N, C-alpha and C. Protein backbone atom coordinates (compact mmCIF):
# COMPACT_ATOMS: atom_id res chain seq x y z
N MET A 1 -102.03 84.33 23.27
CA MET A 1 -103.01 84.08 24.32
C MET A 1 -104.41 84.42 23.80
N GLN A 2 -105.36 83.51 24.02
CA GLN A 2 -106.73 83.73 23.61
C GLN A 2 -107.39 84.80 24.46
N PRO A 3 -108.42 85.52 23.91
CA PRO A 3 -109.08 86.59 24.68
C PRO A 3 -109.60 86.12 26.03
N GLU A 4 -110.18 84.90 26.07
CA GLU A 4 -110.71 84.39 27.34
C GLU A 4 -109.60 84.18 28.37
N GLN A 5 -108.46 83.67 27.89
CA GLN A 5 -107.32 83.47 28.77
C GLN A 5 -106.76 84.80 29.26
N LEU A 6 -106.74 85.80 28.37
CA LEU A 6 -106.24 87.12 28.74
C LEU A 6 -107.11 87.74 29.83
N ILE A 7 -108.45 87.63 29.67
CA ILE A 7 -109.37 88.19 30.67
C ILE A 7 -109.16 87.51 32.03
N GLN A 8 -109.02 86.19 32.01
CA GLN A 8 -108.80 85.44 33.25
C GLN A 8 -107.47 85.85 33.89
N THR A 9 -106.44 86.00 33.07
CA THR A 9 -105.12 86.39 33.58
C THR A 9 -105.16 87.78 34.19
N VAL A 10 -105.81 88.72 33.48
CA VAL A 10 -105.91 90.09 33.99
C VAL A 10 -106.65 90.12 35.32
N ALA A 11 -107.71 89.31 35.43
CA ALA A 11 -108.49 89.26 36.67
C ALA A 11 -107.63 88.80 37.85
N LEU A 12 -106.73 87.85 37.60
CA LEU A 12 -105.86 87.36 38.66
C LEU A 12 -104.68 88.30 38.92
N ALA A 13 -104.17 88.94 37.87
CA ALA A 13 -102.94 89.74 37.99
C ALA A 13 -103.18 91.18 38.41
N ALA A 14 -104.40 91.70 38.22
CA ALA A 14 -104.65 93.13 38.41
C ALA A 14 -104.28 93.61 39.81
N ILE A 15 -104.78 92.92 40.84
CA ILE A 15 -104.53 93.35 42.23
C ILE A 15 -103.04 93.23 42.58
N PRO A 16 -102.37 92.10 42.29
CA PRO A 16 -100.94 92.03 42.57
C PRO A 16 -100.12 93.10 41.84
N VAL A 17 -100.45 93.40 40.58
CA VAL A 17 -99.71 94.41 39.82
C VAL A 17 -99.89 95.79 40.45
N LEU A 18 -101.15 96.13 40.81
CA LEU A 18 -101.41 97.44 41.41
C LEU A 18 -100.69 97.59 42.75
N PHE A 19 -100.71 96.54 43.57
CA PHE A 19 -99.98 96.59 44.84
C PHE A 19 -98.48 96.72 44.59
N ALA A 20 -97.97 95.97 43.62
CA ALA A 20 -96.53 95.96 43.35
C ALA A 20 -96.02 97.34 42.96
N ILE A 21 -96.73 98.00 42.05
CA ILE A 21 -96.24 99.32 41.59
C ILE A 21 -96.50 100.40 42.64
N THR A 22 -97.66 100.30 43.33
CA THR A 22 -98.02 101.34 44.30
C THR A 22 -97.06 101.35 45.48
N LEU A 23 -96.83 100.19 46.08
CA LEU A 23 -95.96 100.13 47.25
C LEU A 23 -94.50 100.37 46.88
N HIS A 24 -94.11 99.96 45.68
CA HIS A 24 -92.75 100.23 45.20
C HIS A 24 -92.49 101.73 45.17
N GLU A 25 -93.39 102.47 44.53
CA GLU A 25 -93.20 103.91 44.40
C GLU A 25 -93.38 104.64 45.73
N ALA A 26 -94.38 104.23 46.52
CA ALA A 26 -94.60 104.87 47.82
C ALA A 26 -93.38 104.67 48.72
N ALA A 27 -92.73 103.51 48.61
CA ALA A 27 -91.54 103.23 49.43
C ALA A 27 -90.42 104.21 49.13
N HIS A 28 -90.22 104.53 47.85
CA HIS A 28 -89.21 105.54 47.49
C HIS A 28 -89.51 106.86 48.18
N GLY A 29 -90.78 107.30 48.08
CA GLY A 29 -91.16 108.59 48.65
C GLY A 29 -91.04 108.61 50.16
N TYR A 30 -91.42 107.50 50.79
CA TYR A 30 -91.36 107.43 52.25
C TYR A 30 -89.92 107.53 52.74
N VAL A 31 -89.01 106.78 52.11
CA VAL A 31 -87.61 106.79 52.53
C VAL A 31 -86.96 108.14 52.21
N ALA A 32 -87.33 108.74 51.06
CA ALA A 32 -86.81 110.07 50.73
C ALA A 32 -87.23 111.08 51.80
N ARG A 33 -88.49 111.01 52.24
CA ARG A 33 -88.96 111.91 53.30
C ARG A 33 -88.19 111.67 54.59
N HIS A 34 -87.92 110.41 54.89
CA HIS A 34 -87.18 110.06 56.11
C HIS A 34 -85.79 110.70 56.10
N PHE A 35 -85.19 110.80 54.91
CA PHE A 35 -83.84 111.37 54.82
C PHE A 35 -83.83 112.86 54.44
N GLY A 36 -84.99 113.49 54.52
CA GLY A 36 -85.02 114.95 54.42
C GLY A 36 -85.63 115.56 53.18
N ASP A 37 -85.97 114.74 52.16
CA ASP A 37 -86.55 115.31 50.94
C ASP A 37 -88.08 115.19 51.00
N MET A 38 -88.77 116.32 50.98
CA MET A 38 -90.23 116.36 51.12
C MET A 38 -90.94 116.45 49.76
N THR A 39 -90.21 116.30 48.66
CA THR A 39 -90.79 116.49 47.32
C THR A 39 -91.97 115.56 47.07
N ALA A 40 -91.77 114.26 47.29
CA ALA A 40 -92.84 113.29 47.04
C ALA A 40 -94.01 113.51 48.00
N HIS A 41 -93.71 113.84 49.24
CA HIS A 41 -94.76 114.10 50.23
C HIS A 41 -95.62 115.28 49.80
N GLN A 42 -94.98 116.36 49.36
CA GLN A 42 -95.73 117.55 48.95
C GLN A 42 -96.51 117.32 47.67
N ALA A 43 -96.05 116.38 46.83
CA ALA A 43 -96.76 116.06 45.59
C ALA A 43 -97.86 115.03 45.81
N GLY A 44 -98.03 114.55 47.05
CA GLY A 44 -99.05 113.55 47.35
C GLY A 44 -98.74 112.18 46.81
N ARG A 45 -97.45 111.88 46.61
CA ARG A 45 -97.07 110.60 46.02
C ARG A 45 -96.72 109.54 47.06
N ILE A 46 -96.68 109.90 48.35
CA ILE A 46 -96.51 108.86 49.38
C ILE A 46 -97.92 108.39 49.71
N SER A 47 -98.45 107.58 48.82
CA SER A 47 -99.86 107.21 48.89
C SER A 47 -100.04 105.76 48.46
N LEU A 48 -101.03 105.10 49.05
CA LEU A 48 -101.38 103.74 48.63
C LEU A 48 -102.48 103.75 47.58
N ASN A 49 -102.83 104.93 47.08
CA ASN A 49 -103.82 105.05 46.02
C ASN A 49 -103.15 104.76 44.68
N PRO A 50 -103.48 103.63 44.03
CA PRO A 50 -102.80 103.28 42.77
C PRO A 50 -102.93 104.34 41.69
N LEU A 51 -104.04 105.09 41.69
CA LEU A 51 -104.27 106.10 40.65
C LEU A 51 -103.19 107.17 40.64
N ARG A 52 -102.54 107.39 41.78
CA ARG A 52 -101.48 108.40 41.85
C ARG A 52 -100.18 107.92 41.20
N HIS A 53 -100.09 106.61 40.96
CA HIS A 53 -98.83 106.05 40.47
C HIS A 53 -98.94 105.45 39.07
N ILE A 54 -100.17 105.30 38.56
CA ILE A 54 -100.36 104.62 37.28
C ILE A 54 -99.88 105.48 36.11
N ASP A 55 -99.09 104.86 35.24
CA ASP A 55 -98.70 105.45 33.96
C ASP A 55 -99.47 104.70 32.88
N PRO A 56 -100.27 105.40 32.05
CA PRO A 56 -101.13 104.70 31.08
C PRO A 56 -100.38 103.72 30.18
N VAL A 57 -99.17 104.12 29.76
CA VAL A 57 -98.39 103.23 28.88
C VAL A 57 -97.69 102.15 29.69
N GLY A 58 -96.91 102.56 30.69
CA GLY A 58 -96.06 101.62 31.42
C GLY A 58 -96.81 100.68 32.35
N THR A 59 -97.95 101.16 32.91
CA THR A 59 -98.67 100.35 33.89
C THR A 59 -99.79 99.53 33.28
N ILE A 60 -100.34 100.01 32.15
CA ILE A 60 -101.51 99.34 31.57
C ILE A 60 -101.19 98.74 30.20
N LEU A 61 -100.77 99.60 29.26
CA LEU A 61 -100.60 99.14 27.88
C LEU A 61 -99.50 98.10 27.73
N LEU A 62 -98.30 98.40 28.24
CA LEU A 62 -97.18 97.47 28.06
C LEU A 62 -97.40 96.13 28.78
N PRO A 63 -97.85 96.12 30.06
CA PRO A 63 -98.12 94.82 30.68
C PRO A 63 -99.15 93.99 29.92
N LEU A 64 -100.23 94.64 29.42
CA LEU A 64 -101.23 93.90 28.63
C LEU A 64 -100.61 93.35 27.36
N LEU A 65 -99.76 94.15 26.73
CA LEU A 65 -99.10 93.71 25.49
C LEU A 65 -98.18 92.53 25.75
N THR A 66 -97.40 92.60 26.84
CA THR A 66 -96.48 91.49 27.14
C THR A 66 -97.25 90.24 27.55
N LEU A 67 -98.40 90.41 28.22
CA LEU A 67 -99.24 89.25 28.54
C LEU A 67 -99.79 88.61 27.26
N TRP A 68 -100.15 89.47 26.31
CA TRP A 68 -100.76 88.99 25.06
C TRP A 68 -99.75 88.21 24.21
N VAL A 69 -98.52 88.76 24.08
CA VAL A 69 -97.54 88.14 23.19
C VAL A 69 -96.66 87.13 23.91
N GLY A 70 -96.68 87.13 25.25
CA GLY A 70 -95.83 86.23 26.01
C GLY A 70 -94.50 86.87 26.36
N GLY A 71 -93.72 86.17 27.15
CA GLY A 71 -92.42 86.69 27.59
C GLY A 71 -92.51 87.25 28.99
N ILE A 72 -91.46 87.99 29.40
CA ILE A 72 -91.39 88.55 30.74
C ILE A 72 -92.36 89.71 30.86
N LEU A 73 -93.19 89.70 31.90
CA LEU A 73 -94.11 90.80 32.16
C LEU A 73 -93.29 92.07 32.40
N PHE A 74 -93.57 93.10 31.61
CA PHE A 74 -92.73 94.29 31.61
C PHE A 74 -93.59 95.54 31.72
N GLY A 75 -93.14 96.50 32.52
CA GLY A 75 -93.87 97.75 32.65
C GLY A 75 -93.26 98.63 33.73
N TRP A 76 -93.90 99.78 33.98
CA TRP A 76 -93.40 100.70 35.00
C TRP A 76 -94.54 101.59 35.47
N ALA A 77 -94.32 102.29 36.57
CA ALA A 77 -95.26 103.28 37.07
C ALA A 77 -94.64 104.67 36.91
N LYS A 78 -95.45 105.71 37.19
CA LYS A 78 -94.90 107.06 37.19
C LYS A 78 -93.86 107.15 38.31
N PRO A 79 -92.64 107.55 38.01
CA PRO A 79 -91.63 107.62 39.06
C PRO A 79 -91.97 108.67 40.11
N VAL A 80 -91.73 108.33 41.36
CA VAL A 80 -91.92 109.28 42.45
C VAL A 80 -90.86 110.36 42.34
N PRO A 81 -91.25 111.65 42.41
CA PRO A 81 -90.25 112.72 42.32
C PRO A 81 -89.37 112.77 43.56
N VAL A 82 -88.07 112.73 43.35
CA VAL A 82 -87.11 112.82 44.45
C VAL A 82 -86.08 113.88 44.10
N ASN A 83 -85.88 114.82 45.00
CA ASN A 83 -84.84 115.83 44.85
C ASN A 83 -83.65 115.38 45.68
N PHE A 84 -82.70 114.73 45.02
CA PHE A 84 -81.58 114.14 45.76
C PHE A 84 -80.74 115.21 46.46
N ALA A 85 -80.74 116.41 45.91
CA ALA A 85 -79.98 117.50 46.54
C ALA A 85 -80.57 117.87 47.90
N ALA A 86 -81.86 117.56 48.12
CA ALA A 86 -82.52 117.90 49.39
C ALA A 86 -82.26 116.85 50.47
N LEU A 87 -81.69 115.72 50.11
CA LEU A 87 -81.36 114.70 51.11
C LEU A 87 -80.24 115.21 52.01
N ARG A 88 -80.22 114.75 53.23
CA ARG A 88 -79.22 115.25 54.18
C ARG A 88 -77.80 114.91 53.72
N ARG A 89 -77.60 113.70 53.20
CA ARG A 89 -76.30 113.29 52.63
C ARG A 89 -76.59 112.74 51.23
N PRO A 90 -76.70 113.63 50.23
CA PRO A 90 -77.25 113.22 48.93
C PRO A 90 -76.69 111.94 48.34
N LYS A 91 -75.39 111.80 48.26
CA LYS A 91 -74.81 110.62 47.60
C LYS A 91 -75.05 109.35 48.41
N LYS A 92 -74.90 109.43 49.73
CA LYS A 92 -75.09 108.24 50.57
C LYS A 92 -76.56 107.88 50.72
N ASP A 93 -77.40 108.89 50.94
CA ASP A 93 -78.82 108.62 51.17
C ASP A 93 -79.53 108.17 49.90
N MET A 94 -78.97 108.53 48.73
CA MET A 94 -79.54 108.06 47.46
C MET A 94 -79.64 106.54 47.43
N LEU A 95 -78.67 105.86 48.03
CA LEU A 95 -78.66 104.40 48.07
C LEU A 95 -79.92 103.86 48.72
N TRP A 96 -80.29 104.43 49.88
CA TRP A 96 -81.44 103.92 50.63
C TRP A 96 -82.76 104.26 49.95
N VAL A 97 -82.82 105.45 49.35
CA VAL A 97 -84.03 105.83 48.61
C VAL A 97 -84.22 104.88 47.42
N ALA A 98 -83.14 104.60 46.70
CA ALA A 98 -83.22 103.74 45.51
C ALA A 98 -83.56 102.30 45.87
N ILE A 99 -82.95 101.78 46.93
CA ILE A 99 -83.13 100.37 47.26
C ILE A 99 -84.50 100.11 47.89
N ALA A 100 -85.19 101.17 48.33
CA ALA A 100 -86.48 101.00 49.01
C ALA A 100 -87.53 100.34 48.12
N GLY A 101 -87.55 100.72 46.84
CA GLY A 101 -88.54 100.14 45.92
C GLY A 101 -88.35 98.64 45.72
N PRO A 102 -87.16 98.19 45.28
CA PRO A 102 -86.93 96.75 45.16
C PRO A 102 -87.12 96.00 46.48
N ALA A 103 -86.76 96.63 47.61
CA ALA A 103 -86.96 95.98 48.91
C ALA A 103 -88.44 95.77 49.17
N ALA A 104 -89.28 96.76 48.81
CA ALA A 104 -90.73 96.61 48.97
C ALA A 104 -91.24 95.46 48.11
N ASN A 105 -90.70 95.32 46.88
CA ASN A 105 -91.11 94.21 46.02
C ASN A 105 -90.70 92.87 46.59
N LEU A 106 -89.52 92.80 47.21
CA LEU A 106 -89.08 91.55 47.84
C LEU A 106 -90.01 91.16 48.98
N VAL A 107 -90.37 92.13 49.82
CA VAL A 107 -91.28 91.86 50.95
C VAL A 107 -92.63 91.39 50.42
N MET A 108 -93.13 92.04 49.35
CA MET A 108 -94.42 91.63 48.78
C MET A 108 -94.33 90.24 48.17
N ALA A 109 -93.23 89.92 47.49
CA ALA A 109 -93.06 88.58 46.92
C ALA A 109 -93.11 87.53 48.03
N MET A 110 -92.47 87.82 49.15
CA MET A 110 -92.49 86.89 50.28
C MET A 110 -93.90 86.78 50.86
N GLY A 111 -94.62 87.91 50.93
CA GLY A 111 -96.00 87.88 51.41
C GLY A 111 -96.90 87.04 50.52
N TRP A 112 -96.77 87.21 49.20
CA TRP A 112 -97.56 86.40 48.27
C TRP A 112 -97.17 84.93 48.33
N ALA A 113 -95.89 84.64 48.59
CA ALA A 113 -95.44 83.25 48.73
C ALA A 113 -96.13 82.60 49.94
N MET A 114 -96.29 83.37 51.02
CA MET A 114 -96.99 82.86 52.20
C MET A 114 -98.46 82.61 51.89
N ILE A 115 -99.08 83.51 51.10
CA ILE A 115 -100.49 83.32 50.70
C ILE A 115 -100.62 82.09 49.81
N TYR A 116 -99.65 81.89 48.89
CA TYR A 116 -99.67 80.70 48.04
C TYR A 116 -99.59 79.43 48.90
N LYS A 117 -98.71 79.46 49.88
CA LYS A 117 -98.55 78.32 50.78
C LYS A 117 -99.85 78.06 51.54
N LEU A 118 -100.53 79.13 51.96
CA LEU A 118 -101.80 79.01 52.67
C LEU A 118 -102.84 78.36 51.78
N GLY A 119 -102.94 78.82 50.52
CA GLY A 119 -103.90 78.23 49.59
C GLY A 119 -103.60 76.77 49.32
N PHE A 120 -102.31 76.44 49.24
CA PHE A 120 -101.90 75.06 48.99
C PHE A 120 -102.27 74.13 50.15
N SER A 121 -102.40 74.73 51.35
CA SER A 121 -102.72 73.94 52.55
C SER A 121 -104.19 73.54 52.62
N PHE A 122 -105.01 74.11 51.72
CA PHE A 122 -106.45 73.80 51.73
C PHE A 122 -106.90 73.30 50.36
N PRO A 123 -106.41 72.12 49.95
CA PRO A 123 -106.78 71.59 48.64
C PRO A 123 -108.29 71.32 48.57
N GLY A 124 -108.86 71.64 47.42
CA GLY A 124 -110.29 71.40 47.25
C GLY A 124 -111.17 72.54 47.73
N ASN A 125 -110.59 73.49 48.48
CA ASN A 125 -111.36 74.63 48.93
C ASN A 125 -111.73 75.51 47.73
N TYR A 126 -112.95 76.06 47.73
CA TYR A 126 -113.46 76.84 46.60
C TYR A 126 -112.58 78.04 46.29
N PHE A 127 -112.01 78.65 47.33
CA PHE A 127 -111.21 79.86 47.14
C PHE A 127 -109.72 79.57 46.95
N ALA A 128 -109.31 78.32 47.19
CA ALA A 128 -107.88 78.02 47.19
C ALA A 128 -107.24 78.23 45.82
N GLU A 129 -107.90 77.73 44.76
CA GLU A 129 -107.29 77.82 43.43
C GLU A 129 -107.14 79.26 42.95
N PRO A 130 -108.21 80.10 43.00
CA PRO A 130 -108.00 81.49 42.57
C PRO A 130 -107.02 82.25 43.47
N LEU A 131 -107.00 81.92 44.77
CA LEU A 131 -106.06 82.56 45.68
C LEU A 131 -104.62 82.22 45.30
N MET A 132 -104.39 80.95 44.96
CA MET A 132 -103.06 80.52 44.55
C MET A 132 -102.67 81.15 43.21
N GLY A 133 -103.66 81.28 42.31
CA GLY A 133 -103.40 81.92 41.02
C GLY A 133 -103.00 83.37 41.19
N MET A 134 -103.71 84.08 42.07
CA MET A 134 -103.38 85.48 42.34
C MET A 134 -102.02 85.59 43.01
N ALA A 135 -101.76 84.69 43.97
CA ALA A 135 -100.48 84.71 44.67
C ALA A 135 -99.32 84.40 43.72
N ASP A 136 -99.56 83.49 42.77
CA ASP A 136 -98.53 83.17 41.78
C ASP A 136 -98.17 84.42 40.97
N TRP A 137 -99.18 85.19 40.57
CA TRP A 137 -98.92 86.44 39.86
C TRP A 137 -98.24 87.46 40.77
N GLY A 138 -98.64 87.47 42.04
CA GLY A 138 -98.00 88.38 42.99
C GLY A 138 -96.52 88.11 43.13
N ILE A 139 -96.17 86.84 43.21
CA ILE A 139 -94.75 86.48 43.29
C ILE A 139 -94.03 86.89 42.00
N LYS A 140 -94.67 86.55 40.88
CA LYS A 140 -94.05 86.79 39.57
C LYS A 140 -93.77 88.27 39.32
N ILE A 141 -94.79 89.12 39.49
CA ILE A 141 -94.62 90.54 39.16
C ILE A 141 -93.63 91.21 40.11
N ASN A 142 -93.65 90.83 41.38
CA ASN A 142 -92.74 91.47 42.34
C ASN A 142 -91.30 91.03 42.13
N VAL A 143 -91.10 89.77 41.78
CA VAL A 143 -89.73 89.30 41.50
C VAL A 143 -89.20 89.98 40.24
N VAL A 144 -90.03 90.06 39.20
CA VAL A 144 -89.60 90.71 37.96
C VAL A 144 -89.28 92.18 38.20
N LEU A 145 -90.16 92.89 38.92
CA LEU A 145 -89.92 94.31 39.20
C LEU A 145 -88.65 94.51 40.02
N MET A 146 -88.45 93.64 41.00
CA MET A 146 -87.26 93.77 41.85
C MET A 146 -85.98 93.58 41.02
N VAL A 147 -85.94 92.49 40.25
CA VAL A 147 -84.74 92.19 39.47
C VAL A 147 -84.51 93.24 38.38
N LEU A 148 -85.58 93.62 37.68
CA LEU A 148 -85.47 94.62 36.63
C LEU A 148 -84.93 95.94 37.18
N ASN A 149 -85.49 96.37 38.31
CA ASN A 149 -85.10 97.67 38.86
C ASN A 149 -83.70 97.66 39.46
N LEU A 150 -83.14 96.49 39.70
CA LEU A 150 -81.78 96.43 40.24
C LEU A 150 -80.71 96.42 39.15
N LEU A 151 -81.13 96.45 37.88
CA LEU A 151 -80.14 96.57 36.81
C LEU A 151 -79.41 97.90 36.97
N PRO A 152 -78.09 97.93 36.82
CA PRO A 152 -77.30 99.15 37.05
C PRO A 152 -77.38 100.13 35.88
N LEU A 153 -78.60 100.53 35.55
CA LEU A 153 -78.84 101.44 34.43
C LEU A 153 -79.71 102.60 34.90
N PRO A 154 -79.15 103.81 35.03
CA PRO A 154 -80.00 104.95 35.37
C PRO A 154 -81.05 105.14 34.27
N PRO A 155 -82.31 105.47 34.60
CA PRO A 155 -82.81 105.89 35.92
C PRO A 155 -83.38 104.76 36.76
N LEU A 156 -83.08 103.50 36.45
CA LEU A 156 -83.55 102.40 37.29
C LEU A 156 -82.90 102.50 38.67
N ASP A 157 -83.52 101.86 39.65
CA ASP A 157 -83.02 101.93 41.02
C ASP A 157 -81.59 101.41 41.12
N GLY A 158 -81.29 100.36 40.38
CA GLY A 158 -79.94 99.81 40.41
C GLY A 158 -78.91 100.80 39.89
N GLY A 159 -79.31 101.63 38.93
CA GLY A 159 -78.42 102.68 38.43
C GLY A 159 -78.12 103.70 39.50
N ARG A 160 -79.15 104.06 40.28
CA ARG A 160 -78.95 105.03 41.37
C ARG A 160 -78.11 104.42 42.50
N VAL A 161 -78.30 103.13 42.75
CA VAL A 161 -77.46 102.45 43.74
C VAL A 161 -76.00 102.50 43.30
N ALA A 162 -75.76 102.20 42.01
CA ALA A 162 -74.39 102.23 41.48
C ALA A 162 -73.80 103.63 41.57
N VAL A 163 -74.59 104.67 41.25
CA VAL A 163 -74.11 106.05 41.34
C VAL A 163 -73.75 106.38 42.79
N SER A 164 -74.54 105.87 43.73
CA SER A 164 -74.28 106.13 45.14
C SER A 164 -72.99 105.46 45.61
N LEU A 165 -72.69 104.27 45.08
CA LEU A 165 -71.55 103.49 45.57
C LEU A 165 -70.24 103.79 44.84
N LEU A 166 -70.33 104.22 43.58
CA LEU A 166 -69.12 104.45 42.80
C LEU A 166 -68.39 105.71 43.25
N PRO A 167 -67.08 105.78 43.03
CA PRO A 167 -66.35 107.03 43.26
C PRO A 167 -66.95 108.16 42.41
N HIS A 168 -66.73 109.40 42.82
CA HIS A 168 -67.40 110.54 42.21
C HIS A 168 -67.22 110.59 40.68
N ARG A 169 -66.02 110.36 40.20
CA ARG A 169 -65.78 110.48 38.75
C ARG A 169 -66.59 109.45 37.97
N GLN A 170 -66.52 108.18 38.40
CA GLN A 170 -67.26 107.12 37.71
C GLN A 170 -68.77 107.29 37.89
N ALA A 171 -69.19 107.76 39.08
CA ALA A 171 -70.61 108.00 39.34
C ALA A 171 -71.15 109.08 38.40
N PHE A 172 -70.35 110.13 38.18
CA PHE A 172 -70.76 111.22 37.28
C PHE A 172 -70.92 110.72 35.86
N GLN A 173 -69.99 109.87 35.41
CA GLN A 173 -70.07 109.31 34.05
C GLN A 173 -71.31 108.44 33.88
N LEU A 174 -71.60 107.61 34.88
CA LEU A 174 -72.78 106.74 34.81
C LEU A 174 -74.06 107.56 34.84
N ALA A 175 -74.10 108.60 35.66
CA ALA A 175 -75.31 109.43 35.79
C ALA A 175 -75.64 110.13 34.47
N LYS A 176 -74.64 110.37 33.62
CA LYS A 176 -74.87 111.04 32.34
C LYS A 176 -75.72 110.19 31.39
N ILE A 177 -75.83 108.89 31.68
CA ILE A 177 -76.62 107.99 30.83
C ILE A 177 -78.12 108.18 31.08
N GLU A 178 -78.50 108.75 32.24
CA GLU A 178 -79.89 108.76 32.68
C GLU A 178 -80.88 109.27 31.63
N PRO A 179 -80.62 110.36 30.90
CA PRO A 179 -81.62 110.82 29.92
C PRO A 179 -81.92 109.79 28.82
N TYR A 180 -81.00 108.85 28.63
CA TYR A 180 -81.18 107.85 27.57
C TYR A 180 -81.52 106.47 28.12
N GLY A 181 -81.54 106.35 29.45
CA GLY A 181 -81.69 105.04 30.07
C GLY A 181 -82.98 104.34 29.72
N MET A 182 -84.12 105.06 29.70
CA MET A 182 -85.38 104.42 29.40
C MET A 182 -85.45 103.96 27.95
N PHE A 183 -84.84 104.72 27.04
CA PHE A 183 -84.80 104.31 25.63
C PHE A 183 -83.95 103.04 25.47
N ILE A 184 -82.85 102.97 26.22
CA ILE A 184 -82.01 101.78 26.20
C ILE A 184 -82.80 100.58 26.71
N LEU A 185 -83.55 100.79 27.80
CA LEU A 185 -84.32 99.72 28.41
C LEU A 185 -85.41 99.21 27.46
N ILE A 186 -86.11 100.13 26.81
CA ILE A 186 -87.17 99.73 25.87
C ILE A 186 -86.57 98.96 24.69
N PHE A 187 -85.41 99.42 24.21
CA PHE A 187 -84.73 98.70 23.12
C PHE A 187 -84.38 97.28 23.55
N LEU A 188 -83.84 97.14 24.77
CA LEU A 188 -83.48 95.81 25.28
C LEU A 188 -84.72 94.94 25.44
N ALA A 189 -85.86 95.59 25.82
CA ALA A 189 -87.09 94.83 26.05
C ALA A 189 -87.69 94.27 24.77
N ILE A 190 -87.49 94.97 23.64
CA ILE A 190 -88.06 94.48 22.38
C ILE A 190 -87.09 93.55 21.65
N THR A 191 -85.96 93.30 22.25
CA THR A 191 -85.02 92.30 21.75
C THR A 191 -84.92 91.18 22.79
N PRO A 192 -84.31 90.07 22.46
CA PRO A 192 -84.17 88.98 23.45
C PRO A 192 -83.19 89.30 24.58
N VAL A 193 -82.46 90.41 24.47
CA VAL A 193 -81.36 90.68 25.40
C VAL A 193 -81.85 90.81 26.83
N LEU A 194 -82.93 91.56 27.05
CA LEU A 194 -83.42 91.78 28.41
C LEU A 194 -83.83 90.45 29.05
N SER A 195 -84.48 89.61 28.29
CA SER A 195 -84.87 88.29 28.80
C SER A 195 -83.65 87.44 29.13
N TRP A 196 -82.61 87.50 28.29
CA TRP A 196 -81.38 86.75 28.56
C TRP A 196 -80.74 87.19 29.87
N VAL A 197 -80.78 88.50 30.13
CA VAL A 197 -80.16 89.03 31.34
C VAL A 197 -81.00 88.71 32.58
N LEU A 198 -82.31 88.91 32.46
CA LEU A 198 -83.18 88.81 33.64
C LEU A 198 -83.53 87.37 34.02
N SER A 199 -83.74 86.52 33.03
CA SER A 199 -84.27 85.17 33.31
C SER A 199 -83.46 84.38 34.33
N PRO A 200 -82.12 84.31 34.23
CA PRO A 200 -81.37 83.55 35.24
C PRO A 200 -81.53 84.13 36.65
N LEU A 201 -81.57 85.46 36.75
CA LEU A 201 -81.71 86.10 38.06
C LEU A 201 -83.10 85.86 38.64
N ILE A 202 -84.12 85.94 37.79
CA ILE A 202 -85.49 85.69 38.23
C ILE A 202 -85.63 84.25 38.72
N LYS A 203 -85.06 83.30 37.97
CA LYS A 203 -85.13 81.89 38.37
C LYS A 203 -84.42 81.66 39.70
N LEU A 204 -83.32 82.37 39.93
CA LEU A 204 -82.59 82.25 41.19
C LEU A 204 -83.45 82.72 42.36
N VAL A 205 -84.13 83.85 42.19
CA VAL A 205 -84.99 84.37 43.27
C VAL A 205 -86.15 83.42 43.51
N TYR A 206 -86.75 82.87 42.44
CA TYR A 206 -87.82 81.89 42.59
C TYR A 206 -87.36 80.70 43.43
N LYS A 207 -86.15 80.21 43.13
CA LYS A 207 -85.63 79.05 43.86
C LYS A 207 -85.43 79.38 45.34
N LEU A 208 -84.96 80.58 45.61
CA LEU A 208 -84.78 80.99 47.01
C LEU A 208 -86.10 81.09 47.75
N LEU A 209 -87.12 81.63 47.08
CA LEU A 209 -88.46 81.72 47.69
C LEU A 209 -89.05 80.33 47.90
N ALA A 210 -88.86 79.45 46.92
CA ALA A 210 -89.36 78.08 47.05
C ALA A 210 -88.69 77.36 48.22
N LEU A 211 -87.40 77.59 48.37
CA LEU A 211 -86.65 77.00 49.47
C LEU A 211 -87.12 77.54 50.82
N LEU A 212 -87.34 78.86 50.86
CA LEU A 212 -87.75 79.50 52.11
C LEU A 212 -89.15 79.09 52.56
N PHE A 213 -90.08 79.01 51.60
CA PHE A 213 -91.48 78.82 51.94
C PHE A 213 -92.02 77.44 51.57
N GLY A 214 -91.17 76.60 50.98
CA GLY A 214 -91.59 75.25 50.65
C GLY A 214 -92.73 75.21 49.66
N ILE A 215 -92.63 76.04 48.59
CA ILE A 215 -93.70 76.08 47.60
C ILE A 215 -93.20 75.52 46.26
């Protein structure tokens, strides 16, 4: 990607990316508080302030790098601290805390799809094209974050969902992977494997959104 193209892309993607990571992480903290864990609340992480959630490497460096070289936009925010032992029903409530982030991304993807549809309804309008460009990035980043986080690999949300649903013995074995999960994910990201896994799922969600909103 040429520098001019990168600057234009960043200008369109910046707001959708910040909303995607901020609301994803805040959703985890909000649901954790609802089920009895005040850790994120006390740390000030149930916030719509993006600065509280930005990770310099995962939120800025890696997304810029993936934009530059091409491929699936990849990155992460600082995880919201959750003390699962403080939840009223730790194993069961973990499911709702974990699923809150991807659910927030799905709602945002649908919201951006509606904005894209709105921009499409006003062809020739001065603001329509940049609005549609921003909405396109909003759909893209939220769908990618949702699908990526639903992979059954701790510490991703999908890993926590799997730990919540599996019988205790299997859940314990899966949870032991967590200290190595991010290294596994980064390894998969620098190989074609992550793209092979995610691309069909991402395309499926795109098709469902297109069907729902006629875009």
